[in-house]
Amino acid sequence: MLPQLFVNYKLKSVAHLPWRAFMYKAFNTFIDDVFAFIIVMPTAHRLACFRDDVVFVIYLYQRWLYPVDMKRVNEFGVSYEDQENEDKPHED
């Protein structure tokens, strides 16, 4: 998730990481933490598992800090504003 933080900072937006992918990464981070407590492992490796939590908290802060840019075009070439305009009925 660390490269994602740099991308978010450079673009000042979090629109390019959908909630579904974010929740998958959050679940993966949680599972790593659980196993860091359950399984006997060296302390250095256990601390490395918690390093992901710091990155996760920073990502949550970026999610709060940067608004979703509705004008930005996604990977399919469509912006949110274009979708909203297509959904509205045309008044003739």
PDB file of N, CA and C in Angstrom:
ATOM      1  N   MET A   1       0.804  -1.200   0.000  1.00  0.00           N
ATOM      2  CA  MET A   1       0.000   0.000   0.000  1.00  0.00           C
ATOM      3  C   MET A   1       0.848   1.265   0.000  1.00  0.00           C
ATOM      4  N   LEU A   2       2.134   1.131   0.235  1.00  0.00           N
ATOM      5  CA  LEU A   2       2.982   2.318   0.311  1.00  0.00           C
ATOM      6  C   LEU A   2       3.047   3.094  -1.005  1.00  0.00           C
ATOM      7  N   PRO A   3       3.184   2.440  -2.155  1.00  0.00           N
ATOM      8  CA  PRO A   3       3.169   3.224  -3.401  1.00  0.00           C
ATOM      9  C   PRO A   3       1.855   3.977  -3.609  1.00  0.00           C
ATOM     10  N   GLN A   4       0.758   3.425  -3.092  1.00  0.00           N
ATOM     11  CA  GLN A   4      -0.541   4.084  -3.225  1.00  0.00           C
ATOM     12  C   GLN A   4      -0.546   5.418  -2.490  1.00  0.00           C
ATOM     13  N   LEU A   5       0.155   5.508  -1.372  1.00  0.00           N
ATOM     14  CA  LEU A   5       0.231   6.768  -0.625  1.00  0.00           C
ATOM     15  C   LEU A   5       0.900   7.855  -1.455  1.00  0.00           C
ATOM     16  N   PHE A   6       1.957   7.506  -2.163  1.00  0.00           N
ATOM     17  CA  PHE A   6       2.653   8.478  -3.001  1.00  0.00           C
ATOM     18  C   PHE A   6       1.785   8.931  -4.176  1.00  0.00           C
ATOM     19  N   VAL A   7       1.054   7.995  -4.760  1.00  0.00           N
ATOM     20  CA  VAL A   7       0.156   8.343  -5.865  1.00  0.00           C
ATOM     21  C   VAL A   7      -0.933   9.286  -5.368  1.00  0.00           C
ATOM     22  N   ASN A   8      -1.511   8.974  -4.203  1.00  0.00           N
ATOM     23  CA  ASN A   8      -2.545   9.834  -3.635  1.00  0.00           C
ATOM     24  C   ASN A   8      -2.011  11.232  -3.368  1.00  0.00           C
ATOM     25  N   TYR A   9      -0.809  11.309  -2.820  1.00  0.00           N
ATOM     26  CA  TYR A   9      -0.224  12.611  -2.494  1.00  0.00           C
ATOM     27  C   TYR A   9       0.050  13.422  -3.756  1.00  0.00           C
ATOM     28  N   LYS A  10       0.579  12.759  -4.783  1.00  0.00           N
ATOM     29  CA  LYS A  10       0.917  13.472  -6.013  1.00  0.00           C
ATOM     30  C   LYS A  10      -0.337  13.984  -6.720  1.00  0.00           C
ATOM     31  N   LEU A  11      -1.388  13.159  -6.777  1.00  0.00           N
ATOM     32  CA  LEU A  11      -2.615  13.545  -7.471  1.00  0.00           C
ATOM     33  C   LEU A  11      -3.575  14.337  -6.589  1.00  0.00           C
ATOM     34  N   LYS A  12      -3.328  14.339  -5.282  1.00  0.00           N
ATOM     35  CA  LYS A  12      -4.222  15.014  -4.318  1.00  0.00           C
ATOM     36  C   LYS A  12      -5.649  14.488  -4.458  1.00  0.00           C
ATOM     37  N   SER A  13      -5.766  13.194  -4.690  1.00  0.00           N
ATOM     38  CA  SER A  13      -7.061  12.563  -4.866  1.00  0.00           C
ATOM     39  C   SER A  13      -6.954  11.082  -4.510  1.00  0.00           C
ATOM     40  N   VAL A  14      -8.057  10.505  -4.061  1.00  0.00           N
ATOM     41  CA  VAL A  14      -8.106   9.075  -3.779  1.00  0.00           C
ATOM     42  C   VAL A  14      -9.142   8.379  -4.666  1.00  0.00           C
ATOM     43  N   ALA A  15      -9.535   9.029  -5.729  1.00  0.00           N
ATOM     44  CA  ALA A  15     -10.586   8.492  -6.599  1.00  0.00           C
ATOM     45  C   ALA A  15     -10.148   7.245  -7.349  1.00  0.00           C
ATOM     46  N   HIS A  16      -8.853   7.036  -7.522  1.00  0.00           N
ATOM     47  CA  HIS A  16      -8.365   5.931  -8.340  1.00  0.00           C
ATOM     48  C   HIS A  16      -8.259   4.616  -7.571  1.00  0.00           C
ATOM     49  N   LEU A  17      -8.603   4.601  -6.266  1.00  0.00           N
ATOM     50  CA  LEU A  17      -8.642   3.350  -5.510  1.00  0.00           C
ATOM     51  C   LEU A  17     -10.069   3.152  -4.999  1.00  0.00           C
ATOM     52  N   PRO A  18     -10.836   2.268  -5.632  1.00  0.00           N
ATOM     53  CA  PRO A  18     -12.230   2.083  -5.227  1.00  0.00           C
ATOM     54  C   PRO A  18     -12.341   1.490  -3.819  1.00  0.00           C
ATOM     55  N   TRP A  19     -13.497   1.655  -3.216  1.00  0.00           N
ATOM     56  CA  TRP A  19     -13.714   1.166  -1.857  1.00  0.00           C
ATOM     57  C   TRP A  19     -13.548  -0.341  -1.757  1.00  0.00           C
ATOM     58  N   ARG A  20     -13.935  -1.067  -2.776  1.00  0.00           N
ATOM     59  CA  ARG A  20     -13.812  -2.528  -2.719  1.00  0.00           C
ATOM     60  C   ARG A  20     -12.348  -2.946  -2.607  1.00  0.00           C
ATOM     61  N   ALA A  21     -11.480  -2.346  -3.395  1.00  0.00           N
ATOM     62  CA  ALA A  21     -10.054  -2.665  -3.311  1.00  0.00           C
ATOM     63  C   ALA A  21      -9.475  -2.203  -1.974  1.00  0.00           C
ATOM     64  N   PHE A  22      -9.931  -1.056  -1.488  1.00  0.00           N
ATOM     65  CA  PHE A  22      -9.468  -0.558  -0.202  1.00  0.00           C
ATOM     66  C   PHE A  22      -9.875  -1.503   0.929  1.00  0.00           C
ATOM     67  N   MET A  23     -11.095  -1.998   0.905  1.00  0.00           N
ATOM     68  CA  MET A  23     -11.551  -2.904   1.956  1.00  0.00           C
ATOM     69  C   MET A  23     -10.803  -4.231   1.904  1.00  0.00           C
ATOM     70  N   TYR A  24     -10.441  -4.682   0.722  1.00  0.00           N
ATOM     71  CA  TYR A  24      -9.630  -5.894   0.603  1.00  0.00           C
ATOM     72  C   TYR A  24      -8.277  -5.684   1.281  1.00  0.00           C
ATOM     73  N   LYS A  25      -7.658  -4.537   1.035  1.00  0.00           N
ATOM     74  CA  LYS A  25      -6.368  -4.257   1.665  1.00  0.00           C
ATOM     75  C   LYS A  25      -6.502  -4.095   3.173  1.00  0.00           C
ATOM     76  N   ALA A  26      -7.598  -3.500   3.617  1.00  0.00           N
ATOM     77  CA  ALA A  26      -7.837  -3.344   5.054  1.00  0.00           C
ATOM     78  C   ALA A  26      -8.012  -4.714   5.719  1.00  0.00           C
ATOM     79  N   PHE A  27      -8.763  -5.594   5.087  1.00  0.00           N
ATOM     80  CA  PHE A  27      -8.961  -6.937   5.624  1.00  0.00           C
ATOM     81  C   PHE A  27      -7.637  -7.697   5.672  1.00  0.00           C
ATOM     82  N   ASN A  28      -6.831  -7.561   4.650  1.00  0.00           N
ATOM     83  CA  ASN A  28      -5.531  -8.216   4.605  1.00  0.00           C
ATOM     84  C   ASN A  28      -4.632  -7.706   5.733  1.00  0.00           C
ATOM     85  N   THR A  29      -4.657  -6.413   6.005  1.00  0.00           N
ATOM     86  CA  THR A  29      -3.869  -5.838   7.091  1.00  0.00           C
ATOM     87  C   THR A  29      -4.340  -6.384   8.435  1.00  0.00           C
ATOM     88  N   PHE A  30      -5.632  -6.508   8.611  1.00  0.00           N
ATOM     89  CA  PHE A  30      -6.187  -7.034   9.862  1.00  0.00           C
ATOM     90  C   PHE A  30      -5.767  -8.484  10.083  1.00  0.00           C
ATOM     91  N   ILE A  31      -5.834  -9.289   9.045  1.00  0.00           N
ATOM     92  CA  ILE A  31      -5.436 -10.701   9.151  1.00  0.00           C
ATOM     93  C   ILE A  31      -3.951 -10.811   9.505  1.00  0.00           C
ATOM     94  N   ASP A  32      -3.107  -9.984   8.915  1.00  0.00           N
ATOM     95  CA  ASP A  32      -1.676  -9.985   9.253  1.00  0.00           C
ATOM     96  C   ASP A  32      -1.463  -9.681  10.728  1.00  0.00           C
ATOM     97  N   ASP A  33      -2.224  -8.749  11.260  1.00  0.00           N
ATOM     98  CA  ASP A  33      -2.088  -8.397  12.681  1.00  0.00           C
ATOM     99  C   ASP A  33      -2.506  -9.550  13.590  1.00  0.00           C
ATOM    100  N   VAL A  34      -3.584 -10.215  13.227  1.00  0.00           N
ATOM    101  CA  VAL A  34      -4.051 -11.337  14.038  1.00  0.00           C
ATOM    102  C   VAL A  34      -3.000 -12.432  14.073  1.00  0.00           C
ATOM    103  N   PHE A  35      -2.450 -12.770  12.929  1.00  0.00           N
ATOM    104  CA  PHE A  35      -1.454 -13.825  12.891  1.00  0.00           C
ATOM    105  C   PHE A  35      -0.123 -13.398  13.516  1.00  0.00           C
ATOM    106  N   ALA A  36       0.154 -12.099  13.553  1.00  0.00           N
ATOM    107  CA  ALA A  36       1.366 -11.625  14.219  1.00  0.00           C
ATOM    108  C   ALA A  36       1.292 -11.899  15.720  1.00  0.00           C
ATOM    109  N   PHE A  37       0.093 -11.887  16.279  1.00  0.00           N
ATOM    110  CA  PHE A  37      -0.065 -12.201  17.697  1.00  0.00           C
ATOM    111  C   PHE A  37      -0.138 -13.699  17.958  1.00  0.00           C
ATOM    112  N   ILE A  38      -0.717 -14.457  17.042  1.00  0.00           N
ATOM    113  CA  ILE A  38      -0.961 -15.885  17.277  1.00  0.00           C
ATOM    114  C   ILE A  38       0.293 -16.728  17.035  1.00  0.00           C
ATOM    115  N   ILE A  39       0.970 -16.499  15.928  1.00  0.00           N
ATOM    116  CA  ILE A  39       2.092 -17.341  15.518  1.00  0.00           C
ATOM    117  C   ILE A  39       3.375 -16.860  16.194  1.00  0.00           C
ATOM    118  N   VAL A  40       4.192 -17.810  16.631  1.00  0.00           N
ATOM    119  CA  VAL A  40       5.488 -17.475  17.224  1.00  0.00           C
ATOM    120  C   VAL A  40       6.429 -17.091  16.081  1.00  0.00           C
ATOM    121  N   MET A  41       6.980 -15.898  16.168  1.00  0.00           N
ATOM    122  CA  MET A  41       7.869 -15.398  15.116  1.00  0.00           C
ATOM    123  C   MET A  41       8.865 -14.426  15.738  1.00  0.00           C
ATOM    124  N   PRO A  42       9.926 -14.119  15.043  1.00  0.00           N
ATOM    125  CA  PRO A  42      10.888 -13.145  15.579  1.00  0.00           C
ATOM    126  C   PRO A  42      10.241 -11.770  15.754  1.00  0.00           C
ATOM    127  N   THR A  43      10.749 -11.028  16.687  1.00  0.00           N
ATOM    128  CA  THR A  43      10.188  -9.713  16.999  1.00  0.00           C
ATOM    129  C   THR A  43      10.290  -8.756  15.817  1.00  0.00           C
ATOM    130  N   ALA A  44      11.381  -8.835  15.069  1.00  0.00           N
ATOM    131  CA  ALA A  44      11.552  -7.937  13.921  1.00  0.00           C
ATOM    132  C   ALA A  44      10.448  -8.171  12.881  1.00  0.00           C
ATOM    133  N   HIS A  45      10.107  -9.421  12.654  1.00  0.00           N
ATOM    134  CA  HIS A  45       9.045  -9.718  11.683  1.00  0.00           C
ATOM    135  C   HIS A  45       7.686  -9.265  12.222  1.00  0.00           C
ATOM    136  N   ARG A  46       7.487  -9.413  13.511  1.00  0.00           N
ATOM    137  CA  ARG A  46       6.231  -8.980  14.131  1.00  0.00           C
ATOM    138  C   ARG A  46       6.066  -7.466  13.996  1.00  0.00           C
ATOM    139  N   LEU A  47       7.147  -6.729  14.190  1.00  0.00           N
ATOM    140  CA  LEU A  47       7.097  -5.277  14.026  1.00  0.00           C
ATOM    141  C   LEU A  47       6.850  -4.888  12.569  1.00  0.00           C
ATOM    142  N   ALA A  48       7.381  -5.680  11.643  1.00  0.00           N
ATOM    143  CA  ALA A  48       7.160  -5.408  10.220  1.00  0.00           C
ATOM    144  C   ALA A  48       5.685  -5.571   9.866  1.00  0.00           C
ATOM    145  N   CYS A  49       4.987  -6.481  10.531  1.00  0.00           N
ATOM    146  CA  CYS A  49       3.545  -6.640  10.296  1.00  0.00           C
ATOM    147  C   CYS A  49       2.793  -5.397  10.751  1.00  0.00           C
ATOM    148  N   PHE A  50       3.239  -4.775  11.828  1.00  0.00           N
ATOM    149  CA  PHE A  50       2.562  -3.586  12.327  1.00  0.00           C
ATOM    150  C   PHE A  50       2.944  -2.328  11.548  1.00  0.00           C
ATOM    151  N   ARG A  51       3.995  -2.410  10.766  1.00  0.00           N
ATOM    152  CA  ARG A  51       4.367  -1.288   9.900  1.00  0.00           C
ATOM    153  C   ARG A  51       3.257  -1.041   8.873  1.00  0.00           C
ATOM    154  N   ASP A  52       2.597  -2.094   8.443  1.00  0.00           N
ATOM    155  CA  ASP A  52       1.471  -1.951   7.518  1.00  0.00           C
ATOM    156  C   ASP A  52       0.332  -1.158   8.141  1.00  0.00           C
ATOM    157  N   ASP A  53       0.173  -1.268   9.458  1.00  0.00           N
ATOM    158  CA  ASP A  53      -0.885  -0.514  10.135  1.00  0.00           C
ATOM    159  C   ASP A  53      -0.640   0.980  10.058  1.00  0.00           C
ATOM    160  N   VAL A  54       0.603   1.386  10.154  1.00  0.00           N
ATOM    161  CA  VAL A  54       0.941   2.808  10.054  1.00  0.00           C
ATOM    162  C   VAL A  54       0.587   3.324   8.667  1.00  0.00           C
ATOM    163  N   VAL A  55       0.917   2.558   7.640  1.00  0.00           N
ATOM    164  CA  VAL A  55       0.590   2.936   6.269  1.00  0.00           C
ATOM    165  C   VAL A  55      -0.929   2.989   6.096  1.00  0.00           C
ATOM    166  N   PHE A  56      -1.647   2.053   6.703  1.00  0.00           N
ATOM    167  CA  PHE A  56      -3.097   2.014   6.616  1.00  0.00           C
ATOM    168  C   PHE A  56      -3.719   3.255   7.257  1.00  0.00           C
ATOM    169  N   VAL A  57      -3.203   3.667   8.408  1.00  0.00           N
ATOM    170  CA  VAL A  57      -3.723   4.862   9.081  1.00  0.00           C
ATOM    171  C   VAL A  57      -3.450   6.113   8.248  1.00  0.00           C
ATOM    172  N   ILE A  58      -2.278   6.185   7.633  1.00  0.00           N
ATOM    173  CA  ILE A  58      -1.963   7.327   6.759  1.00  0.00           C
ATOM    174  C   ILE A  58      -2.904   7.341   5.563  1.00  0.00           C
ATOM    175  N   TYR A  59      -3.202   6.163   5.024  1.00  0.00           N
ATOM    176  CA  TYR A  59      -4.144   6.106   3.898  1.00  0.00           C
ATOM    177  C   TYR A  59      -5.539   6.568   4.330  1.00  0.00           C
ATOM    178  N   LEU A  60      -5.975   6.166   5.517  1.00  0.00           N
ATOM    179  CA  LEU A  60      -7.271   6.638   6.018  1.00  0.00           C
ATOM    180  C   LEU A  60      -7.285   8.157   6.155  1.00  0.00           C
ATOM    181  N   TYR A  61      -6.178   8.723   6.612  1.00  0.00           N
ATOM    182  CA  TYR A  61      -6.080  10.172   6.728  1.00  0.00           C
ATOM    183  C   TYR A  61      -6.173  10.826   5.353  1.00  0.00           C
ATOM    184  N   GLN A  62      -5.501  10.253   4.344  1.00  0.00           N
ATOM    185  CA  GLN A  62      -5.585  10.793   2.987  1.00  0.00           C
ATOM    186  C   GLN A  62      -7.003  10.673   2.453  1.00  0.00           C
ATOM    187  N   ARG A  63      -7.680   9.600   2.785  1.00  0.00           N
ATOM    188  CA  ARG A  63      -9.062   9.406   2.336  1.00  0.00           C
ATOM    189  C   ARG A  63      -9.956  10.507   2.890  1.00  0.00           C
ATOM    190  N   TRP A  64      -9.673  10.943   4.109  1.00  0.00           N
ATOM    191  CA  TRP A  64     -10.431  12.022   4.733  1.00  0.00           C
ATOM    192  C   TRP A  64     -10.004  13.381   4.183  1.00  0.00           C
ATOM    193  N   LEU A  65      -8.698  13.544   3.919  1.00  0.00           N
ATOM    194  CA  LEU A  65      -8.139  14.833   3.533  1.00  0.00           C
ATOM    195  C   LEU A  65      -8.457  15.219   2.092  1.00  0.00           C
ATOM    196  N   TYR A  66      -8.275  14.295   1.168  1.00  0.00           N
ATOM    197  CA  TYR A  66      -8.428  14.605  -0.248  1.00  0.00           C
ATOM    198  C   TYR A  66      -9.844  14.279  -0.714  1.00  0.00           C
ATOM    199  N   PRO A  67     -10.539  15.236  -1.284  1.00  0.00           N
ATOM    200  CA  PRO A  67     -11.877  14.947  -1.808  1.00  0.00           C
ATOM    201  C   PRO A  67     -11.775  14.163  -3.118  1.00  0.00           C
ATOM    202  N   VAL A  68     -12.863  13.514  -3.456  1.00  0.00           N
ATOM    203  CA  VAL A  68     -12.917  12.798  -4.725  1.00  0.00           C
ATOM    204  C   VAL A  68     -13.157  13.820  -5.822  1.00  0.00           C
ATOM    205  N   ASP A  69     -12.275  13.844  -6.801  1.00  0.00           N
ATOM    206  CA  ASP A  69     -12.384  14.785  -7.912  1.00  0.00           C
ATOM    207  C   ASP A  69     -13.360  14.220  -8.929  1.00  0.00           C
ATOM    208  N   MET A  70     -14.548  14.808  -8.989  1.00  0.00           N
ATOM    209  CA  MET A  70     -15.591  14.303  -9.880  1.00  0.00           C
ATOM    210  C   MET A  70     -15.298  14.572 -11.352  1.00  0.00           C
ATOM    211  N   LYS A  71     -14.400  15.497 -11.658  1.00  0.00           N
ATOM    212  CA  LYS A  71     -14.080  15.820 -13.048  1.00  0.00           C
ATOM    213  C   LYS A  71     -13.012  14.898 -13.624  1.00  0.00           C
ATOM    214  N   ARG A  72     -12.273  14.200 -12.767  1.00  0.00           N
ATOM    215  CA  ARG A  72     -11.174  13.353 -13.228  1.00  0.00           C
ATOM    216  C   ARG A  72     -11.711  12.142 -13.970  1.00  0.00           C
ATOM    217  N   VAL A  73     -11.090  11.820 -15.069  1.00  0.00           N
ATOM    218  CA  VAL A  73     -11.499  10.686 -15.895  1.00  0.00           C
ATOM    219  C   VAL A  73     -10.873   9.425 -15.316  1.00  0.00           C
ATOM    220  N   ASN A  74     -11.688   8.360 -15.173  1.00  0.00           N
ATOM    221  CA  ASN A  74     -11.171   7.110 -14.641  1.00  0.00           C
ATOM    222  C   ASN A  74     -10.524   6.278 -15.742  1.00  0.00           C
ATOM    223  N   GLU A  75     -10.160   5.039 -15.406  1.00  0.00           N
ATOM    224  CA  GLU A  75      -9.456   4.196 -16.382  1.00  0.00           C
ATOM    225  C   GLU A  75     -10.326   3.789 -17.555  1.00  0.00           C
ATOM    226  N   PHE A  76     -11.650   3.978 -17.464  1.00  0.00           N
ATOM    227  CA  PHE A  76     -12.550   3.642 -18.551  1.00  0.00           C
ATOM    228  C   PHE A  76     -12.867   4.849 -19.426  1.00  0.00           C
ATOM    229  N   GLY A  77     -12.286   6.008 -19.108  1.00  0.00           N
ATOM    230  CA  GLY A  77     -12.497   7.205 -19.902  1.00  0.00           C
ATOM    231  C   GLY A  77     -13.767   7.954 -19.574  1.00  0.00           C
ATOM    232  N   VAL A  78     -14.344   7.696 -18.405  1.00  0.00           N
ATOM    233  CA  VAL A  78     -15.594   8.330 -18.011  1.00  0.00           C
ATOM    234  C   VAL A  78     -15.374   9.057 -16.690  1.00  0.00           C
ATOM    235  N   SER A  79     -15.921  10.258 -16.582  1.00  0.00           N
ATOM    236  CA  SER A  79     -15.860  10.977 -15.308  1.00  0.00           C
ATOM    237  C   SER A  79     -17.205  10.858 -14.610  1.00  0.00           C
ATOM    238  N   TYR A  80     -17.214  11.121 -13.310  1.00  0.00           N
ATOM    239  CA  TYR A  80     -18.454  11.044 -12.547  1.00  0.00           C
ATOM    240  C   TYR A  80     -19.461  12.085 -13.019  1.00  0.00           C
ATOM    241  N   GLU A  81     -18.999  13.252 -13.407  1.00  0.00           N
ATOM    242  CA  GLU A  81     -19.904  14.290 -13.893  1.00  0.00           C
ATOM    243  C   GLU A  81     -20.585  13.858 -15.185  1.00  0.00           C
ATOM    244  N   ASP A  82     -19.857  13.158 -16.063  1.00  0.00           N
ATOM    245  CA  ASP A  82     -20.452  12.665 -17.306  1.00  0.00           C
ATOM    246  C   ASP A  82     -21.565  11.662 -17.006  1.00  0.00           C
ATOM    247  N   GLN A  83     -21.352  10.803 -16.040  1.00  0.00           N
ATOM    248  CA  GLN A  83     -22.362   9.805 -15.684  1.00  0.00           C
ATOM    249  C   GLN A  83     -23.605  10.471 -15.120  1.00  0.00           C
ATOM    250  N   GLU A  84     -23.437  11.493 -14.297  1.00  0.00           N
ATOM    251  CA  GLU A  84     -24.580  12.188 -13.725  1.00  0.00           C
ATOM    252  C   GLU A  84     -25.381  12.907 -14.807  1.00  0.00           C
ATOM    253  N   ASN A  85     -24.690  13.479 -15.786  1.00  0.00           N
ATOM    254  CA  ASN A  85     -25.383  14.178 -16.870  1.00  0.00           C
ATOM    255  C   ASN A  85     -26.155  13.215 -17.760  1.00  0.00           C
ATOM    256  N   GLU A  86     -25.644  11.998 -17.948  1.00  0.00           N
ATOM    257  CA  GLU A  86     -26.344  11.013 -18.773  1.00  0.00           C
ATOM    258  C   GLU A  86     -27.577  10.473 -18.067  1.00  0.00           C
ATOM    259  N   ASP A  87     -27.557  10.415 -16.733  1.00  0.00           N
ATOM    260  CA  ASP A  87     -28.683   9.878 -15.971  1.00  0.00           C
ATOM    261  C   ASP A  87     -29.853  10.837 -15.922  1.00  0.00           C
ATOM    262  N   LYS A  88     -29.609  12.132 -16.064  1.00  0.00           N
ATOM    263  CA  LYS A  88     -30.681  13.126 -16.001  1.00  0.00           C
ATOM    264  C   LYS A  88     -31.479  13.113 -17.307  1.00  0.00           C
ATOM    265  N   PRO A  89     -32.804  13.192 -17.203  1.00  0.00           N
ATOM    266  CA  PRO A  89     -33.593  13.250 -18.452  1.00  0.00           C
ATOM    267  C   PRO A  89     -33.425  14.611 -19.131  1.00  0.00           C
ATOM    268  N   HIS A  90     -33.437  14.564 -20.419  1.00  0.00           N
ATOM    269  CA  HIS A  90     -33.290  15.806 -21.205  1.00  0.00           C
ATOM    270  C   HIS A  90     -34.626  16.524 -21.272  1.00  0.00           C
ATOM    271  N   GLU A  91     -34.590  17.816 -21.025  1.00  0.00           N
ATOM    272  CA  GLU A  91     -35.822  18.608 -21.100  1.00  0.00           C
ATOM    273  C   GLU A  91     -35.872  19.274 -22.458  1.00  0.00           C
ATOM    274  N   ASP A  92     -36.868  18.918 -23.241  1.00  0.00           N
ATOM    275  CA  ASP A  92     -37.018  19.492 -24.586  1.00  0.00           C
ATOM    276  C   ASP A  92     -38.068  20.547 -24.595  1.00  0.00           C
TER     277      ASP A  92
END
